[in-house]
PDB file of N, CA and C in Angstrom:
ATOM      1  N   MET A   1     -27.852  59.304  77.168  1.00  0.00           N
ATOM      2  CA  MET A   1     -27.117  59.388  76.221  1.00  0.00           C
ATOM      3  C   MET A   1     -27.473  60.503  75.053  1.00  0.00           C
ATOM      4  N   LYS A   2     -26.790  61.227  74.293  1.00  0.00           N
ATOM      5  CA  LYS A   2     -27.150  61.819  73.637  1.00  0.00           C
ATOM      6  C   LYS A   2     -27.238  61.602  72.303  1.00  0.00           C
ATOM      7  N   LYS A   3     -28.031  62.094  71.177  1.00  0.00           N
ATOM      8  CA  LYS A   3     -28.614  61.877  69.923  1.00  0.00           C
ATOM      9  C   LYS A   3     -27.139  61.441  69.206  1.00  0.00           C
ATOM     10  N   GLU A   4     -26.057  62.242  69.379  1.00  0.00           N
ATOM     11  CA  GLU A   4     -24.906  61.918  68.545  1.00  0.00           C
ATOM     12  C   GLU A   4     -24.484  60.576  69.057  1.00  0.00           C
ATOM     13  N   GLU A   5     -24.414  60.392  70.167  1.00  0.00           N
ATOM     14  CA  GLU A   5     -23.577  59.187  70.794  1.00  0.00           C
ATOM     15  C   GLU A   5     -24.127  58.000  70.213  1.00  0.00           C
ATOM     16  N   ILE A   6     -25.363  58.096  70.255  1.00  0.00           N
ATOM     17  CA  ILE A   6     -26.365  56.907  70.081  1.00  0.00           C
ATOM     18  C   ILE A   6     -26.130  56.718  68.533  1.00  0.00           C
ATOM     19  N   LEU A   7     -26.133  57.628  67.731  1.00  0.00           N
ATOM     20  CA  LEU A   7     -25.645  57.213  66.355  1.00  0.00           C
ATOM     21  C   LEU A   7     -24.323  56.665  66.207  1.00  0.00           C
ATOM     22  N   GLU A   8     -23.283  57.344  67.054  1.00  0.00           N
ATOM     23  CA  GLU A   8     -21.747  56.751  66.608  1.00  0.00           C
ATOM     24  C   GLU A   8     -22.264  55.584  67.233  1.00  0.00           C
ATOM     25  N   LYS A   9     -22.764  54.551  67.986  1.00  0.00           N
ATOM     26  CA  LYS A   9     -22.380  53.528  68.629  1.00  0.00           C
ATOM     27  C   LYS A   9     -23.109  52.713  67.402  1.00  0.00           C
ATOM     28  N   SER A  10     -24.206  53.103  67.039  1.00  0.00           N
ATOM     29  CA  SER A  10     -25.083  52.409  66.313  1.00  0.00           C
ATOM     30  C   SER A  10     -24.043  52.096  64.860  1.00  0.00           C
ATOM     31  N   LYS A  11     -23.508  53.005  64.632  1.00  0.00           N
ATOM     32  CA  LYS A  11     -22.245  53.042  63.417  1.00  0.00           C
ATOM     33  C   LYS A  11     -21.676  52.203  63.501  1.00  0.00           C
ATOM     34  N   LYS A  12     -21.093  52.016  64.814  1.00  0.00           N
ATOM     35  CA  LYS A  12     -19.636  51.131  65.360  1.00  0.00           C
ATOM     36  C   LYS A  12     -20.327  49.807  65.046  1.00  0.00           C
ATOM     37  N   GLU A  13     -21.593  49.561  65.645  1.00  0.00           N
ATOM     38  CA  GLU A  13     -22.345  48.023  65.990  1.00  0.00           C
ATOM     39  C   GLU A  13     -22.512  47.621  64.168  1.00  0.00           C
ATOM     40  N   ASN A  14     -22.838  48.648  63.408  1.00  0.00           N
ATOM     41  CA  ASN A  14     -23.506  48.050  61.726  1.00  0.00           C
ATOM     42  C   ASN A  14     -22.049  48.131  60.998  1.00  0.00           C
ATOM     43  N   LYS A  15     -20.686  48.434  61.561  1.00  0.00           N
ATOM     44  CA  LYS A  15     -19.477  48.686  60.698  1.00  0.00           C
ATOM     45  C   LYS A  15     -19.539  49.678  59.810  1.00  0.00           C
ATOM     46  N   ASN A  16     -19.858  50.563  60.581  1.00  0.00           N
ATOM     47  CA  ASN A  16     -19.888  52.175  59.573  1.00  0.00           C
ATOM     48  C   ASN A  16     -20.958  52.018  58.630  1.00  0.00           C
ATOM     49  N   LYS A  17     -21.922  51.025  58.734  1.00  0.00           N
ATOM     50  CA  LYS A  17     -23.068  51.380  57.723  1.00  0.00           C
ATOM     51  C   LYS A  17     -24.373  52.136  57.976  1.00  0.00           C
ATOM     52  N   ASP A  18     -24.982  52.729  57.320  1.00  0.00           N
ATOM     53  CA  ASP A  18     -26.067  53.110  57.760  1.00  0.00           C
ATOM     54  C   ASP A  18     -27.186  52.291  58.073  1.00  0.00           C
ATOM     55  N   ILE A  19     -28.027  52.391  58.873  1.00  0.00           N
ATOM     56  CA  ILE A  19     -28.962  51.594  58.942  1.00  0.00           C
ATOM     57  C   ILE A  19     -30.000  51.433  58.022  1.00  0.00           C
ATOM     58  N   TYR A  20     -30.347  52.852  57.314  1.00  0.00           N
ATOM     59  CA  TYR A  20     -31.274  52.793  56.229  1.00  0.00           C
ATOM     60  C   TYR A  20     -30.510  51.932  54.906  1.00  0.00           C
ATOM     61  N   ALA A  21     -29.163  51.932  54.795  1.00  0.00           N
ATOM     62  CA  ALA A  21     -28.837  51.423  53.549  1.00  0.00           C
ATOM     63  C   ALA A  21     -28.661  49.817  53.959  1.00  0.00           C
ATOM     64  N   ILE A  22     -28.494  49.482  55.109  1.00  0.00           N
ATOM     65  CA  ILE A  22     -28.677  48.087  55.765  1.00  0.00           C
ATOM     66  C   ILE A  22     -29.991  47.513  55.417  1.00  0.00           C
ATOM     67  N   GLN A  23     -30.765  47.839  55.848  1.00  0.00           N
ATOM     68  CA  GLN A  23     -32.743  47.727  55.421  1.00  0.00           C
ATOM     69  C   GLN A  23     -32.850  47.972  54.044  1.00  0.00           C
ATOM     70  N   ILE A  24     -32.325  48.669  53.308  1.00  0.00           N
ATOM     71  CA  ILE A  24     -32.231  48.584  51.594  1.00  0.00           C
ATOM     72  C   ILE A  24     -31.329  47.231  51.072  1.00  0.00           C
ATOM     73  N   GLU A  25     -30.603  47.035  51.462  1.00  0.00           N
ATOM     74  CA  GLU A  25     -29.825  45.980  51.080  1.00  0.00           C
ATOM     75  C   GLU A  25     -30.585  44.506  51.279  1.00  0.00           C
ATOM     76  N   ALA A  26     -31.384  44.412  52.424  1.00  0.00           N
ATOM     77  CA  ALA A  26     -31.996  43.357  52.613  1.00  0.00           C
ATOM     78  C   ALA A  26     -33.545  43.500  52.050  1.00  0.00           C
ATOM     79  N   LYS A  27     -34.129  44.423  51.825  1.00  0.00           N
ATOM     80  CA  LYS A  27     -35.199  44.472  50.751  1.00  0.00           C
ATOM     81  C   LYS A  27     -34.654  43.958  49.566  1.00  0.00           C
ATOM     82  N   ALA A  28     -33.774  44.816  48.893  1.00  0.00           N
ATOM     83  CA  ALA A  28     -33.222  44.328  47.539  1.00  0.00           C
ATOM     84  C   ALA A  28     -32.850  42.879  47.222  1.00  0.00           C
ATOM     85  N   ALA A  29     -32.471  42.206  48.299  1.00  0.00           N
ATOM     86  CA  ALA A  29     -32.300  40.618  48.268  1.00  0.00           C
ATOM     87  C   ALA A  29     -33.481  40.329  48.206  1.00  0.00           C
ATOM     88  N   ASN A  30     -34.790  40.474  48.934  1.00  0.00           N
ATOM     89  CA  ASN A  30     -35.781  40.050  48.808  1.00  0.00           C
ATOM     90  C   ASN A  30     -36.416  40.012  47.345  1.00  0.00           C
ATOM     91  N   VAL A  31     -36.415  41.380  47.097  1.00  0.00           N
ATOM     92  CA  VAL A  31     -36.970  41.798  45.424  1.00  0.00           C
ATOM     93  C   VAL A  31     -36.200  41.090  44.435  1.00  0.00           C
ATOM     94  N   ALA A  32     -34.861  40.633  44.535  1.00  0.00           N
ATOM     95  CA  ALA A  32     -34.144  39.914  43.756  1.00  0.00           C
ATOM     96  C   ALA A  32     -34.938  38.235  43.681  1.00  0.00           C
ATOM     97  N   GLY A  33     -34.452  38.154  45.177  1.00  0.00           N
ATOM     98  CA  GLY A  33     -35.288  36.797  45.088  1.00  0.00           C
ATOM     99  C   GLY A  33     -36.737  36.361  44.418  1.00  0.00           C
ATOM    100  N   ILE A  34     -37.310  37.261  44.662  1.00  0.00           N
ATOM    101  CA  ILE A  34     -38.876  37.165  44.439  1.00  0.00           C
ATOM    102  C   ILE A  34     -38.978  37.124  42.779  1.00  0.00           C
ATOM    103  N   THR A  35     -37.934  38.124  42.184  1.00  0.00           N
ATOM    104  CA  THR A  35     -37.976  38.154  40.951  1.00  0.00           C
ATOM    105  C   THR A  35     -37.051  37.015  40.043  1.00  0.00           C
ATOM    106  N   MET A  36     -36.095  36.380  40.646  1.00  0.00           N
ATOM    107  CA  MET A  36     -35.818  35.054  40.222  1.00  0.00           C
ATOM    108  C   MET A  36     -36.698  33.948  40.101  1.00  0.00           C
ATOM    109  N   LEU A  37     -37.536  33.735  41.215  1.00  0.00           N
ATOM    110  CA  LEU A  37     -38.856  32.992  41.160  1.00  0.00           C
ATOM    111  C   LEU A  37     -39.793  33.250  40.320  1.00  0.00           C
ATOM    112  N   ILE A  38     -40.419  34.132  39.918  1.00  0.00           N
ATOM    113  CA  ILE A  38     -41.053  34.513  38.625  1.00  0.00           C
ATOM    114  C   ILE A  38     -40.430  34.213  37.071  1.00  0.00           C
ATOM    115  N   LEU A  39     -39.481  34.855  37.246  1.00  0.00           N
ATOM    116  CA  LEU A  39     -38.623  34.385  36.201  1.00  0.00           C
ATOM    117  C   LEU A  39     -38.514  32.712  35.767  1.00  0.00           C
ATOM    118  N   ALA A  40     -38.152  32.281  36.779  1.00  0.00           N
ATOM    119  CA  ALA A  40     -38.008  30.693  36.625  1.00  0.00           C
ATOM    120  C   ALA A  40     -39.202  30.058  36.567  1.00  0.00           C
ATOM    121  N   ALA A  41     -40.185  30.636  37.093  1.00  0.00           N
ATOM    122  CA  ALA A  41     -41.464  29.995  37.005  1.00  0.00           C
ATOM    123  C   ALA A  41     -42.060  30.470  35.502  1.00  0.00           C
ATOM    124  N   ILE A  42     -41.710  31.635  34.720  1.00  0.00           N
ATOM    125  CA  ILE A  42     -41.859  31.735  33.200  1.00  0.00           C
ATOM    126  C   ILE A  42     -41.023  30.786  32.444  1.00  0.00           C
ATOM    127  N   TYR A  43     -39.855  30.384  32.762  1.00  0.00           N
ATOM    128  CA  TYR A  43     -38.975  29.470  32.163  1.00  0.00           C
ATOM    129  C   TYR A  43     -39.562  28.131  31.839  1.00  0.00           C
ATOM    130  N   PHE A  44     -39.748  27.686  33.307  1.00  0.00           N
ATOM    131  CA  PHE A  44     -40.480  26.316  33.747  1.00  0.00           C
ATOM    132  C   PHE A  44     -41.577  26.327  32.685  1.00  0.00           C
ATOM    133  N   THR A  45     -42.627  27.389  32.676  1.00  0.00           N
ATOM    134  CA  THR A  45     -43.846  26.902  31.897  1.00  0.00           C
ATOM    135  C   THR A  45     -43.590  26.646  30.577  1.00  0.00           C
ATOM    136  N   TYR A  46     -42.451  27.425  30.230  1.00  0.00           N
ATOM    137  CA  TYR A  46     -42.173  27.637  28.502  1.00  0.00           C
ATOM    138  C   TYR A  46     -41.660  26.254  28.289  1.00  0.00           C
ATOM    139  N   GLU A  47     -40.623  25.735  28.829  1.00  0.00           N
ATOM    140  CA  GLU A  47     -40.209  24.598  28.968  1.00  0.00           C
ATOM    141  C   GLU A  47     -41.432  23.544  28.738  1.00  0.00           C
ATOM    142  N   ILE A  48     -42.060  23.412  29.819  1.00  0.00           N
ATOM    143  CA  ILE A  48     -43.230  22.193  29.526  1.00  0.00           C
ATOM    144  C   ILE A  48     -44.082  22.404  28.236  1.00  0.00           C
ATOM    145  N   LEU A  49     -44.636  23.823  27.822  1.00  0.00           N
ATOM    146  CA  LEU A  49     -45.460  24.004  26.804  1.00  0.00           C
ATOM    147  C   LEU A  49     -44.935  23.645  25.729  1.00  0.00           C
ATOM    148  N   SER A  50     -43.451  23.924  25.571  1.00  0.00           N
ATOM    149  CA  SER A  50     -42.748  23.761  24.279  1.00  0.00           C
ATOM    150  C   SER A  50     -42.152  22.301  24.033  1.00  0.00           C
ATOM    151  N   GLY A  51     -42.255  21.708  25.156  1.00  0.00           N
ATOM    152  CA  GLY A  51     -41.770  20.128  24.893  1.00  0.00           C
ATOM    153  C   GLY A  51     -39.946  20.358  25.073  1.00  0.00           C
ATOM    154  N   LYS A  52     -39.524  21.149  25.407  1.00  0.00           N
ATOM    155  CA  LYS A  52     -37.893  21.236  25.231  1.00  0.00           C
ATOM    156  C   LYS A  52     -37.234  20.569  26.500  1.00  0.00           C
ATOM    157  N   GLY A  53     -38.344  19.979  27.447  1.00  0.00           N
ATOM    158  CA  GLY A  53     -37.484  19.069  28.685  1.00  0.00           C
ATOM    159  C   GLY A  53     -37.249  20.436  29.781  1.00  0.00           C
ATOM    160  N   THR A  54     -36.923  19.643  30.821  1.00  0.00           N
ATOM    161  CA  THR A  54     -36.563  20.831  32.166  1.00  0.00           C
ATOM    162  C   THR A  54     -35.085  20.895  32.277  1.00  0.00           C
ATOM    163  N   ASN A  55     -34.758  22.045  32.799  1.00  0.00           N
ATOM    164  CA  ASN A  55     -33.451  22.284  32.969  1.00  0.00           C
ATOM    165  C   ASN A  55     -33.319  22.355  34.450  1.00  0.00           C
ATOM    166  N   TYR A  56     -33.067  21.048  35.453  1.00  0.00           N
ATOM    167  CA  TYR A  56     -33.389  20.877  36.496  1.00  0.00           C
ATOM    168  C   TYR A  56     -32.081  21.641  37.399  1.00  0.00           C
ATOM    169  N   ALA A  57     -30.836  21.815  36.440  1.00  0.00           N
ATOM    170  CA  ALA A  57     -29.819  22.328  37.026  1.00  0.00           C
ATOM    171  C   ALA A  57     -30.198  23.693  37.411  1.00  0.00           C
ATOM    172  N   LEU A  58     -30.788  24.716  36.487  1.00  0.00           N
ATOM    173  CA  LEU A  58     -31.057  25.808  36.678  1.00  0.00           C
ATOM    174  C   LEU A  58     -31.920  25.921  38.520  1.00  0.00           C
ATOM    175  N   TYR A  59     -33.081  25.067  38.158  1.00  0.00           N
ATOM    176  CA  TYR A  59     -34.211  25.039  39.123  1.00  0.00           C
ATOM    177  C   TYR A  59     -33.280  25.035  40.530  1.00  0.00           C
ATOM    178  N   SER A  60     -32.375  23.995  40.699  1.00  0.00           N
ATOM    179  CA  SER A  60     -31.534  23.554  41.489  1.00  0.00           C
ATOM    180  C   SER A  60     -31.067  24.642  42.214  1.00  0.00           C
ATOM    181  N   LEU A  61     -30.506  25.325  41.574  1.00  0.00           N
ATOM    182  CA  LEU A  61     -29.761  26.800  41.920  1.00  0.00           C
ATOM    183  C   LEU A  61     -30.313  27.653  42.342  1.00  0.00           C
ATOM    184  N   ILE A  62     -31.677  27.837  41.813  1.00  0.00           N
ATOM    185  CA  ILE A  62     -33.023  28.619  42.364  1.00  0.00           C
ATOM    186  C   ILE A  62     -33.324  28.417  44.018  1.00  0.00           C
ATOM    187  N   ALA A  63     -33.437  26.869  43.835  1.00  0.00           N
ATOM    188  CA  ALA A  63     -34.092  26.192  45.123  1.00  0.00           C
ATOM    189  C   ALA A  63     -32.924  26.511  46.522  1.00  0.00           C
ATOM    190  N   ILE A  64     -31.545  26.387  45.879  1.00  0.00           N
ATOM    191  CA  ILE A  64     -30.517  26.355  47.050  1.00  0.00           C
ATOM    192  C   ILE A  64     -30.563  27.852  47.543  1.00  0.00           C
ATOM    193  N   TYR A  65     -30.702  28.548  46.812  1.00  0.00           N
ATOM    194  CA  TYR A  65     -30.752  29.937  46.976  1.00  0.00           C
ATOM    195  C   TYR A  65     -31.555  30.472  48.323  1.00  0.00           C
ATOM    196  N   ASP A  66     -32.926  30.042  47.855  1.00  0.00           N
ATOM    197  CA  ASP A  66     -33.728  30.189  48.894  1.00  0.00           C
ATOM    198  C   ASP A  66     -33.672  28.998  50.201  1.00  0.00           C
ATOM    199  N   ALA A  67     -33.360  27.935  50.032  1.00  0.00           N
ATOM    200  CA  ALA A  67     -32.795  27.174  51.082  1.00  0.00           C
ATOM    201  C   ALA A  67     -31.824  27.795  52.020  1.00  0.00           C
ATOM    202  N   VAL A  68     -30.699  28.688  51.640  1.00  0.00           N
ATOM    203  CA  VAL A  68     -29.907  29.350  52.379  1.00  0.00           C
ATOM    204  C   VAL A  68     -30.437  30.614  52.777  1.00  0.00           C
ATOM    205  N   MET A  69     -31.066  30.930  52.132  1.00  0.00           N
ATOM    206  CA  MET A  69     -31.819  32.433  52.882  1.00  0.00           C
ATOM    207  C   MET A  69     -32.480  32.114  54.004  1.00  0.00           C
ATOM    208  N   TYR A  70     -33.662  30.952  53.729  1.00  0.00           N
ATOM    209  CA  TYR A  70     -34.598  30.996  54.999  1.00  0.00           C
ATOM    210  C   TYR A  70     -33.535  30.163  56.118  1.00  0.00           C
ATOM    211  N   GLY A  71     -32.399  29.258  55.622  1.00  0.00           N
ATOM    212  CA  GLY A  71     -31.739  29.034  56.614  1.00  0.00           C
ATOM    213  C   GLY A  71     -31.378  29.857  57.553  1.00  0.00           C
ATOM    214  N   TYR A  72     -30.309  30.534  56.906  1.00  0.00           N
ATOM    215  CA  TYR A  72     -29.759  31.623  57.205  1.00  0.00           C
ATOM    216  C   TYR A  72     -30.515  32.811  58.081  1.00  0.00           C
ATOM    217  N   LYS A  73     -31.637  33.159  57.863  1.00  0.00           N
ATOM    218  CA  LYS A  73     -32.553  33.811  58.472  1.00  0.00           C
ATOM    219  C   LYS A  73     -33.109  33.071  59.789  1.00  0.00           C
ATOM    220  N   ALA A  74     -33.160  31.581  59.896  1.00  0.00           N
ATOM    221  CA  ALA A  74     -33.641  30.976  61.468  1.00  0.00           C
ATOM    222  C   ALA A  74     -32.718  31.004  62.003  1.00  0.00           C
ATOM    223  N   ILE A  75     -31.069  31.012  61.683  1.00  0.00           N
ATOM    224  CA  ILE A  75     -30.215  31.410  62.681  1.00  0.00           C
ATOM    225  C   ILE A  75     -30.238  32.443  63.175  1.00  0.00           C
ATOM    226  N   LYS A  76     -30.293  34.024  62.405  1.00  0.00           N
ATOM    227  CA  LYS A  76     -30.033  34.752  62.608  1.00  0.00           C
ATOM    228  C   LYS A  76     -31.194  35.779  63.503  1.00  0.00           C
ATOM    229  N   ILE A  77     -32.334  35.394  62.961  1.00  0.00           N
ATOM    230  CA  ILE A  77     -33.285  36.130  63.530  1.00  0.00           C
ATOM    231  C   ILE A  77     -34.375  35.089  64.532  1.00  0.00           C
ATOM    232  N   LYS A  78     -34.640  35.670  65.772  1.00  0.00           N
ATOM    233  CA  LYS A  78     -35.456  34.548  66.679  1.00  0.00           C
ATOM    234  C   LYS A  78     -36.860  34.701  66.152  1.00  0.00           C
ATOM    235  N   GLN A  79     -37.504  35.740  65.908  1.00  0.00           N
ATOM    236  CA  GLN A  79     -38.660  35.858  65.362  1.00  0.00           C
ATOM    237  C   GLN A  79     -39.000  35.115  64.265  1.00  0.00           C
ATOM    238  N   SER A  80     -40.361  33.963  64.636  1.00  0.00           N
ATOM    239  CA  SER A  80     -40.632  33.171  63.146  1.00  0.00           C
ATOM    240  C   SER A  80     -39.194  32.290  63.091  1.00  0.00           C
ATOM    241  N   ARG A  81     -38.732  31.796  63.763  1.00  0.00           N
ATOM    242  CA  ARG A  81     -37.713  30.733  63.948  1.00  0.00           C
ATOM    243  C   ARG A  81     -38.370  29.454  62.903  1.00  0.00           C
ATOM    244  N   GLY A  82     -39.472  29.204  63.553  1.00  0.00           N
ATOM    245  CA  GLY A  82     -39.943  27.773  63.323  1.00  0.00           C
ATOM    246  C   GLY A  82     -40.345  27.531  61.573  1.00  0.00           C
ATOM    247  N   LEU A  83     -40.832  28.803  61.509  1.00  0.00           N
ATOM    248  CA  LEU A  83     -41.579  29.076  60.088  1.00  0.00           C
ATOM    249  C   LEU A  83     -40.237  29.109  59.029  1.00  0.00           C
ATOM    250  N   ASN A  84     -39.002  30.077  59.514  1.00  0.00           N
ATOM    251  CA  ASN A  84     -37.871  29.771  58.693  1.00  0.00           C
ATOM    252  C   ASN A  84     -37.111  28.398  58.225  1.00  0.00           C
ATOM    253  N   ILE A  85     -37.349  27.719  59.632  1.00  0.00           N
ATOM    254  CA  ILE A  85     -36.668  26.522  59.442  1.00  0.00           C
ATOM    255  C   ILE A  85     -37.294  25.641  58.628  1.00  0.00           C
ATOM    256  N   PHE A  86     -38.795  25.397  58.739  1.00  0.00           N
ATOM    257  CA  PHE A  86     -39.670  24.741  57.975  1.00  0.00           C
ATOM    258  C   PHE A  86     -39.375  25.041  56.066  1.00  0.00           C
ATOM    259  N   THR A  87     -39.387  26.380  56.089  1.00  0.00           N
ATOM    260  CA  THR A  87     -39.238  26.654  54.783  1.00  0.00           C
ATOM    261  C   THR A  87     -37.797  26.546  54.099  1.00  0.00           C
ATOM    262  N   ALA A  88     -36.953  26.768  55.010  1.00  0.00           N
ATOM    263  CA  ALA A  88     -35.026  26.254  54.817  1.00  0.00           C
ATOM    264  C   ALA A  88     -35.337  24.668  54.081  1.00  0.00           C
ATOM    265  N   ILE A  89     -36.004  23.864  55.175  1.00  0.00           N
ATOM    266  CA  ILE A  89     -35.963  22.696  55.010  1.00  0.00           C
ATOM    267  C   ILE A  89     -36.943  22.064  53.746  1.00  0.00           C
ATOM    268  N   ILE A  90     -38.071  22.426  53.817  1.00  0.00           N
ATOM    269  CA  ILE A  90     -38.393  22.608  52.158  1.00  0.00           C
ATOM    270  C   ILE A  90     -37.788  22.686  50.875  1.00  0.00           C
ATOM    271  N   TRP A  91     -37.257  23.880  51.056  1.00  0.00           N
ATOM    272  CA  TRP A  91     -36.177  24.455  50.093  1.00  0.00           C
ATOM    273  C   TRP A  91     -35.282  23.235  49.501  1.00  0.00           C
ATOM    274  N   SER A  92     -34.862  23.017  51.021  1.00  0.00           N
ATOM    275  CA  SER A  92     -33.225  21.954  50.816  1.00  0.00           C
ATOM    276  C   SER A  92     -33.996  20.672  50.158  1.00  0.00           C
ATOM    277  N   LEU A  93     -35.142  20.267  50.704  1.00  0.00           N
ATOM    278  CA  LEU A  93     -35.283  18.810  50.007  1.00  0.00           C
ATOM    279  C   LEU A  93     -35.710  19.280  48.323  1.00  0.00           C
ATOM    280  N   LEU A  94     -36.627  20.399  48.129  1.00  0.00           N
ATOM    281  CA  LEU A  94     -36.713  20.584  46.543  1.00  0.00           C
ATOM    282  C   LEU A  94     -35.452  20.272  45.702  1.00  0.00           C
ATOM    283  N   THR A  95     -34.325  21.099  46.678  1.00  0.00           N
ATOM    284  CA  THR A  95     -32.960  21.230  46.003  1.00  0.00           C
ATOM    285  C   THR A  95     -32.319  19.914  45.871  1.00  0.00           C
ATOM    286  N   ILE A  96     -32.544  18.939  46.687  1.00  0.00           N
ATOM    287  CA  ILE A  96     -32.122  17.581  46.565  1.00  0.00           C
ATOM    288  C   ILE A  96     -32.818  16.964  45.541  1.00  0.00           C
ATOM    289  N   LEU A  97     -33.950  16.718  45.586  1.00  0.00           N
ATOM    290  CA  LEU A  97     -34.806  16.466  44.359  1.00  0.00           C
ATOM    291  C   LEU A  97     -34.105  17.027  42.710  1.00  0.00           C
ATOM    292  N   LEU A  98     -33.945  17.989  43.021  1.00  0.00           N
ATOM    293  CA  LEU A  98     -33.603  18.621  41.816  1.00  0.00           C
ATOM    294  C   LEU A  98     -32.289  18.274  41.148  1.00  0.00           C
ATOM    295  N   VAL A  99     -31.460  18.213  42.090  1.00  0.00           N
ATOM    296  CA  VAL A  99     -30.164  17.765  41.928  1.00  0.00           C
ATOM    297  C   VAL A  99     -30.069  15.940  41.582  1.00  0.00           C
ATOM    298  N   TYR A 100     -30.988  15.387  42.344  1.00  0.00           N
ATOM    299  CA  TYR A 100     -30.995  14.042  42.085  1.00  0.00           C
ATOM    300  C   TYR A 100     -31.530  13.610  40.526  1.00  0.00           C
ATOM    301  N   GLN A 101     -32.838  14.544  40.264  1.00  0.00           N
ATOM    302  CA  GLN A 101     -33.146  14.717  38.757  1.00  0.00           C
ATOM    303  C   GLN A 101     -32.206  15.126  37.536  1.00  0.00           C
ATOM    304  N   TYR A 102     -31.600  15.838  38.062  1.00  0.00           N
ATOM    305  CA  TYR A 102     -30.479  16.481  37.201  1.00  0.00           C
ATOM    306  C   TYR A 102     -29.529  15.375  36.657  1.00  0.00           C
ATOM    307  N   PHE A 103     -28.867  14.842  37.589  1.00  0.00           N
ATOM    308  CA  PHE A 103     -27.901  13.912  37.428  1.00  0.00           C
ATOM    309  C   PHE A 103     -28.616  12.489  37.053  1.00  0.00           C
ATOM    310  N   ARG A 104     -29.912  12.114  37.399  1.00  0.00           N
ATOM    311  CA  ARG A 104     -30.296  10.778  36.771  1.00  0.00           C
ATOM    312  C   ARG A 104     -30.701  10.847  35.125  1.00  0.00           C
ATOM    313  N   VAL A 105     -31.402  12.142  34.461  1.00  0.00           N
ATOM    314  CA  VAL A 105     -31.264  12.381  33.135  1.00  0.00           C
ATOM    315  C   VAL A 105     -30.024  12.217  32.560  1.00  0.00           C
TER     316      VAL A 105
END
């Protein structure tokens, strides 16, 4: 196959998206997730130190984001599937706990 044929086939497989753009989107999602977790940790620390109480709804949204992200990775990517499943289960349990705490208060 020629270089042009391979490139054309790759574009069709990736729905006419550039592979570099796909990788950038994935990296951006990872950076956004990490940034979200850091900001949540700052909020959580502030809530504890100021005595304002904890916003369990906010943290349940963050936890469900990570549970879905790792669950989807476990389904789609065969490498490190066990680790992704384990991580998705941990985040899912945390989500359930946070939702329970939110409705309990």
